[in-house]
């Protein structure tokens, strides 16, 4: 009888964890699943710091809980990546941030390996996550867009100035 209470309490706690992570999968703009086995404590601390600064939450969770949470959230295709140690990075704001931080960090730390992910509701392979990581950040893209939008205005201003200078020289 006593074992049943312990098992029921354990199962209840696990179900709560499944619900928590299912909600994280549903709410996240992007998720990156990685294998972080082999990282030193200093590397792990540095990775977590960089992710936190980018507004990304990193969790290491049992694969069985991640599988059930992914299924509950409708991402059962992600289950094949939950083999071996799994670190999961969740971002609710920037879809590129977790991929960018983890991919950049993996260049310095060979032990860190991207397995798969979710970007805006679509399951993505490791190669797709790495391609997303190569994209400029949101601020970089906005800066590029602003530059493109300013170019015609700048060209018109140069043309008007050239016409004004030419008239000024003609009048003198």
C-alpha atoms as a PDB file:
ATOM      1  CA  UNK A   1       0.000   0.000   0.000  1.00  0.00           C
ATOM      2  CA  UNK A   2       2.791   2.403   0.901  1.00  0.00           C
ATOM      3  CA  UNK A   3       4.635   1.689  -2.383  1.00  0.00           C
ATOM      4  CA  UNK A   4       1.480   2.581  -4.287  1.00  0.00           C
ATOM      5  CA  UNK A   5       1.360   6.043  -2.660  1.00  0.00           C
ATOM      6  CA  UNK A   6       5.001   6.672  -3.542  1.00  0.00           C
ATOM      7  CA  UNK A   7       4.476   5.507  -7.125  1.00  0.00           C
ATOM      8  CA  UNK A   8       1.275   7.537  -7.468  1.00  0.00           C
ATOM      9  CA  UNK A   9       3.069  10.631  -6.162  1.00  0.00           C
ATOM     10  CA  UNK A  10       5.979  10.022  -8.541  1.00  0.00           C
ATOM     11  CA  UNK A  11       3.641   9.506 -11.499  1.00  0.00           C
ATOM     12  CA  UNK A  12       1.734  12.660 -10.595  1.00  0.00           C
ATOM     13  CA  UNK A  13       4.978  14.655 -10.418  1.00  0.00           C
ATOM     14  CA  UNK A  14       6.082  13.267 -13.788  1.00  0.00           C
ATOM     15  CA  UNK A  15       2.709  14.124 -15.352  1.00  0.00           C
ATOM     16  CA  UNK A  16       3.092  17.692 -14.085  1.00  0.00           C
ATOM     17  CA  UNK A  17       6.546  17.869 -15.695  1.00  0.00           C
ATOM     18  CA  UNK A  18       5.122  16.540 -18.964  1.00  0.00           C
ATOM     19  CA  UNK A  19       2.448  19.257 -18.847  1.00  0.00           C
ATOM     20  CA  UNK A  20       5.033  21.963 -18.094  1.00  0.00           C
ATOM     21  CA  UNK A  21       7.274  20.946 -20.992  1.00  0.00           C
ATOM     22  CA  UNK A  22       4.353  20.412 -23.379  1.00  0.00           C
ATOM     23  CA  UNK A  23       3.346  24.021 -22.649  1.00  0.00           C
ATOM     24  CA  UNK A  24       6.951  25.170 -23.250  1.00  0.00           C
ATOM     25  CA  UNK A  25       6.971  23.376 -26.624  1.00  0.00           C
ATOM     26  CA  UNK A  26       3.647  24.978 -27.573  1.00  0.00           C
ATOM     27  CA  UNK A  27       4.582  28.501 -26.470  1.00  0.00           C
ATOM     28  CA  UNK A  28       8.126  28.593 -27.868  1.00  0.00           C
ATOM     29  CA  UNK A  29       8.947  30.469 -31.059  1.00  0.00           C
ATOM     30  CA  UNK A  30      11.880  28.102 -31.413  1.00  0.00           C
ATOM     31  CA  UNK A  31      13.341  25.079 -29.666  1.00  0.00           C
ATOM     32  CA  UNK A  32      16.768  23.530 -30.171  1.00  0.00           C
ATOM     33  CA  UNK A  33      17.599  20.030 -28.943  1.00  0.00           C
ATOM     34  CA  UNK A  34      21.306  19.394 -28.417  1.00  0.00           C
ATOM     35  CA  UNK A  35      23.651  16.817 -26.967  1.00  0.00           C
ATOM     36  CA  UNK A  36      25.839  18.536 -24.399  1.00  0.00           C
ATOM     37  CA  UNK A  37      27.599  15.417 -23.070  1.00  0.00           C
ATOM     38  CA  UNK A  38      31.286  16.085 -22.771  1.00  0.00           C
ATOM     39  CA  UNK A  39      31.069  19.809 -22.008  1.00  0.00           C
ATOM     40  CA  UNK A  40      33.165  20.868 -19.050  1.00  0.00           C
ATOM     41  CA  UNK A  41      31.465  22.587 -16.140  1.00  0.00           C
ATOM     42  CA  UNK A  42      32.974  25.902 -17.262  1.00  0.00           C
ATOM     43  CA  UNK A  43      31.727  25.406 -20.829  1.00  0.00           C
ATOM     44  CA  UNK A  44      28.244  24.467 -19.603  1.00  0.00           C
ATOM     45  CA  UNK A  45      28.147  27.539 -17.364  1.00  0.00           C
ATOM     46  CA  UNK A  46      29.295  29.789 -20.211  1.00  0.00           C
ATOM     47  CA  UNK A  47      26.733  28.304 -22.623  1.00  0.00           C
ATOM     48  CA  UNK A  48      23.922  28.828 -20.113  1.00  0.00           C
ATOM     49  CA  UNK A  49      25.088  32.411 -19.533  1.00  0.00           C
ATOM     50  CA  UNK A  50      25.106  33.210 -23.260  1.00  0.00           C
ATOM     51  CA  UNK A  51      21.673  31.645 -23.734  1.00  0.00           C
ATOM     52  CA  UNK A  52      20.248  33.523 -20.736  1.00  0.00           C
ATOM     53  CA  UNK A  53      21.604  36.823 -22.126  1.00  0.00           C
ATOM     54  CA  UNK A  54      19.833  36.030 -25.424  1.00  0.00           C
ATOM     55  CA  UNK A  55      16.549  35.387 -23.586  1.00  0.00           C
ATOM     56  CA  UNK A  56      16.739  31.611 -24.056  1.00  0.00           C
ATOM     57  CA  UNK A  57      15.985  29.013 -21.379  1.00  0.00           C
ATOM     58  CA  UNK A  58      18.110  25.825 -21.360  1.00  0.00           C
ATOM     59  CA  UNK A  59      16.840  22.691 -19.625  1.00  0.00           C
ATOM     60  CA  UNK A  60      18.263  19.180 -19.287  1.00  0.00           C
ATOM     61  CA  UNK A  61      15.347  16.780 -18.885  1.00  0.00           C
ATOM     62  CA  UNK A  62      14.824  13.026 -19.033  1.00  0.00           C
ATOM     63  CA  UNK A  63      14.101  11.861 -22.562  1.00  0.00           C
ATOM     64  CA  UNK A  64      10.967   9.979 -21.497  1.00  0.00           C
ATOM     65  CA  UNK A  65       9.440  13.211 -20.199  1.00  0.00           C
ATOM     66  CA  UNK A  66      10.518  15.133 -23.311  1.00  0.00           C
ATOM     67  CA  UNK A  67       9.014  12.459 -25.594  1.00  0.00           C
ATOM     68  CA  UNK A  68       5.680  12.540 -23.805  1.00  0.00           C
ATOM     69  CA  UNK A  69       5.669  16.358 -23.716  1.00  0.00           C
ATOM     70  CA  UNK A  70       6.513  16.588 -27.428  1.00  0.00           C
ATOM     71  CA  UNK A  71       3.704  14.149 -28.250  1.00  0.00           C
ATOM     72  CA  UNK A  72       1.263  16.078 -26.101  1.00  0.00           C
ATOM     73  CA  UNK A  73       2.247  19.323 -27.871  1.00  0.00           C
ATOM     74  CA  UNK A  74       1.896  17.707 -31.319  1.00  0.00           C
ATOM     75  CA  UNK A  75       5.623  17.439 -32.092  1.00  0.00           C
ATOM     76  CA  UNK A  76       6.031  13.657 -32.041  1.00  0.00           C
ATOM     77  CA  UNK A  77       8.442  13.924 -34.984  1.00  0.00           C
ATOM     78  CA  UNK A  78      10.965  15.359 -32.554  1.00  0.00           C
ATOM     79  CA  UNK A  79      11.022  12.130 -30.508  1.00  0.00           C
ATOM     80  CA  UNK A  80      13.812  10.530 -32.548  1.00  0.00           C
ATOM     81  CA  UNK A  81      16.171  13.270 -31.324  1.00  0.00           C
ATOM     82  CA  UNK A  82      15.531  12.395 -27.669  1.00  0.00           C
ATOM     83  CA  UNK A  83      18.253   9.754 -27.511  1.00  0.00           C
ATOM     84  CA  UNK A  84      21.201  10.096 -25.187  1.00  0.00           C
ATOM     85  CA  UNK A  85      21.632  13.235 -23.113  1.00  0.00           C
ATOM     86  CA  UNK A  86      19.300  15.982 -24.296  1.00  0.00           C
ATOM     87  CA  UNK A  87      19.584  19.665 -23.508  1.00  0.00           C
ATOM     88  CA  UNK A  88      16.631  21.680 -24.775  1.00  0.00           C
ATOM     89  CA  UNK A  89      16.762  25.434 -25.414  1.00  0.00           C
ATOM     90  CA  UNK A  90      13.422  27.293 -25.509  1.00  0.00           C
ATOM     91  CA  UNK A  91      12.947  30.814 -26.864  1.00  0.00           C
ATOM     92  CA  UNK A  92       9.611  32.611 -26.787  1.00  0.00           C
ATOM     93  CA  UNK A  93      10.822  35.780 -28.512  1.00  0.00           C
ATOM     94  CA  UNK A  94      13.622  35.390 -31.045  1.00  0.00           C
ATOM     95  CA  UNK A  95      13.336  32.384 -33.381  1.00  0.00           C
ATOM     96  CA  UNK A  96      17.017  32.580 -34.329  1.00  0.00           C
ATOM     97  CA  UNK A  97      18.595  33.132 -30.892  1.00  0.00           C
ATOM     98  CA  UNK A  98      18.838  29.549 -29.565  1.00  0.00           C
ATOM     99  CA  UNK A  99      20.132  28.197 -32.878  1.00  0.00           C
ATOM    100  CA  UNK A 100      22.649  31.029 -33.233  1.00  0.00           C
ATOM    101  CA  UNK A 101      24.018  30.821 -29.672  1.00  0.00           C
ATOM    102  CA  UNK A 102      24.285  27.019 -29.649  1.00  0.00           C
ATOM    103  CA  UNK A 103      25.780  26.795 -33.164  1.00  0.00           C
ATOM    104  CA  UNK A 104      28.335  29.523 -32.379  1.00  0.00           C
ATOM    105  CA  UNK A 105      29.224  27.840 -29.093  1.00  0.00           C
ATOM    106  CA  UNK A 106      29.536  24.433 -30.822  1.00  0.00           C
ATOM    107  CA  UNK A 107      32.284  25.892 -33.038  1.00  0.00           C
ATOM    108  CA  UNK A 108      34.436  26.279 -29.904  1.00  0.00           C
ATOM    109  CA  UNK A 109      33.154  23.213 -28.037  1.00  0.00           C
ATOM    110  CA  UNK A 110      33.216  20.090 -30.193  1.00  0.00           C
ATOM    111  CA  UNK A 111      31.244  18.158 -27.556  1.00  0.00           C
ATOM    112  CA  UNK A 112      28.121  20.244 -28.190  1.00  0.00           C
ATOM    113  CA  UNK A 113      26.030  18.797 -31.015  1.00  0.00           C
ATOM    114  CA  UNK A 114      22.713  20.079 -32.391  1.00  0.00           C
ATOM    115  CA  UNK A 115      20.232  17.216 -32.862  1.00  0.00           C
ATOM    116  CA  UNK A 116      17.050  18.925 -34.123  1.00  0.00           C
ATOM    117  CA  UNK A 117      14.589  21.660 -33.264  1.00  0.00           C
ATOM    118  CA  UNK A 118      11.341  23.473 -33.840  1.00  0.00           C
ATOM    119  CA  UNK A 119      11.144  26.840 -35.557  1.00  0.00           C
ATOM    120  CA  UNK A 120       7.792  28.606 -35.530  1.00  0.00           C
ATOM    121  CA  UNK A 121       5.847  25.370 -35.216  1.00  0.00           C
ATOM    122  CA  UNK A 122       7.818  23.358 -37.795  1.00  0.00           C
ATOM    123  CA  UNK A 123      10.137  20.504 -36.841  1.00  0.00           C
ATOM    124  CA  UNK A 124      13.594  21.162 -38.258  1.00  0.00           C
ATOM    125  CA  UNK A 125      16.612  18.901 -38.768  1.00  0.00           C
ATOM    126  CA  UNK A 126      20.056  19.661 -37.362  1.00  0.00           C
ATOM    127  CA  UNK A 127      21.140  20.990 -40.776  1.00  0.00           C
ATOM    128  CA  UNK A 128      18.123  23.314 -40.958  1.00  0.00           C
ATOM    129  CA  UNK A 129      18.854  24.609 -37.436  1.00  0.00           C
ATOM    130  CA  UNK A 130      22.472  25.277 -38.445  1.00  0.00           C
ATOM    131  CA  UNK A 131      21.266  27.138 -41.567  1.00  0.00           C
ATOM    132  CA  UNK A 132      18.963  29.259 -39.399  1.00  0.00           C
ATOM    133  CA  UNK A 133      21.898  29.972 -37.096  1.00  0.00           C
ATOM    134  CA  UNK A 134      23.797  31.404 -40.068  1.00  0.00           C
ATOM    135  CA  UNK A 135      21.080  34.033 -40.596  1.00  0.00           C
ATOM    136  CA  UNK A 136      21.684  37.510 -39.202  1.00  0.00           C
ATOM    137  CA  UNK A 137      19.974  38.309 -35.911  1.00  0.00           C
ATOM    138  CA  UNK A 138      16.624  40.097 -35.838  1.00  0.00           C
ATOM    139  CA  UNK A 139      18.384  43.413 -35.161  1.00  0.00           C
ATOM    140  CA  UNK A 140      20.791  42.733 -38.026  1.00  0.00           C
ATOM    141  CA  UNK A 141      17.907  42.010 -40.405  1.00  0.00           C
ATOM    142  CA  UNK A 142      16.101  45.177 -39.309  1.00  0.00           C
ATOM    143  CA  UNK A 143      19.284  47.161 -39.840  1.00  0.00           C
ATOM    144  CA  UNK A 144      19.640  45.717 -43.368  1.00  0.00           C
ATOM    145  CA  UNK A 145      16.005  46.517 -44.133  1.00  0.00           C
ATOM    146  CA  UNK A 146      16.406  50.085 -42.883  1.00  0.00           C
ATOM    147  CA  UNK A 147      19.511  50.507 -45.028  1.00  0.00           C
ATOM    148  CA  UNK A 148      17.651  49.255 -48.108  1.00  0.00           C
ATOM    149  CA  UNK A 149      14.725  51.576 -47.398  1.00  0.00           C
ATOM    150  CA  UNK A 150      17.023  54.575 -46.896  1.00  0.00           C
ATOM    151  CA  UNK A 151      18.986  54.052 -50.127  1.00  0.00           C
ATOM    152  CA  UNK A 152      16.378  55.560 -52.528  1.00  0.00           C
ATOM    153  CA  UNK A 153      15.858  58.558 -50.247  1.00  0.00           C
ATOM    154  CA  UNK A 154      19.615  59.070 -50.002  1.00  0.00           C
ATOM    155  CA  UNK A 155      19.928  58.861 -53.801  1.00  0.00           C
ATOM    156  CA  UNK A 156      17.169  61.463 -54.281  1.00  0.00           C
ATOM    157  CA  UNK A 157      18.889  63.743 -51.764  1.00  0.00           C
ATOM    158  CA  UNK A 158      22.201  63.397 -53.665  1.00  0.00           C
ATOM    159  CA  UNK A 159      20.445  64.153 -56.965  1.00  0.00           C
ATOM    160  CA  UNK A 160      18.720  67.262 -55.545  1.00  0.00           C
ATOM    161  CA  UNK A 161      22.025  68.451 -54.070  1.00  0.00           C
ATOM    162  CA  UNK A 162      23.789  67.881 -57.409  1.00  0.00           C
ATOM    163  CA  UNK A 163      21.095  69.890 -59.259  1.00  0.00           C
ATOM    164  CA  UNK A 164      21.313  72.680 -56.672  1.00  0.00           C
ATOM    165  CA  UNK A 165      25.129  72.745 -56.931  1.00  0.00           C
ATOM    166  CA  UNK A 166      24.938  72.824 -60.739  1.00  0.00           C
ATOM    167  CA  UNK A 167      22.479  75.760 -60.687  1.00  0.00           C
ATOM    168  CA  UNK A 168      24.630  77.556 -58.156  1.00  0.00           C
ATOM    169  CA  UNK A 169      27.701  77.173 -60.384  1.00  0.00           C
ATOM    170  CA  UNK A 170      25.683  78.306 -63.445  1.00  0.00           C
ATOM    171  CA  UNK A 171      24.477  81.435 -61.637  1.00  0.00           C
ATOM    172  CA  UNK A 172      27.961  82.448 -60.570  1.00  0.00           C
END
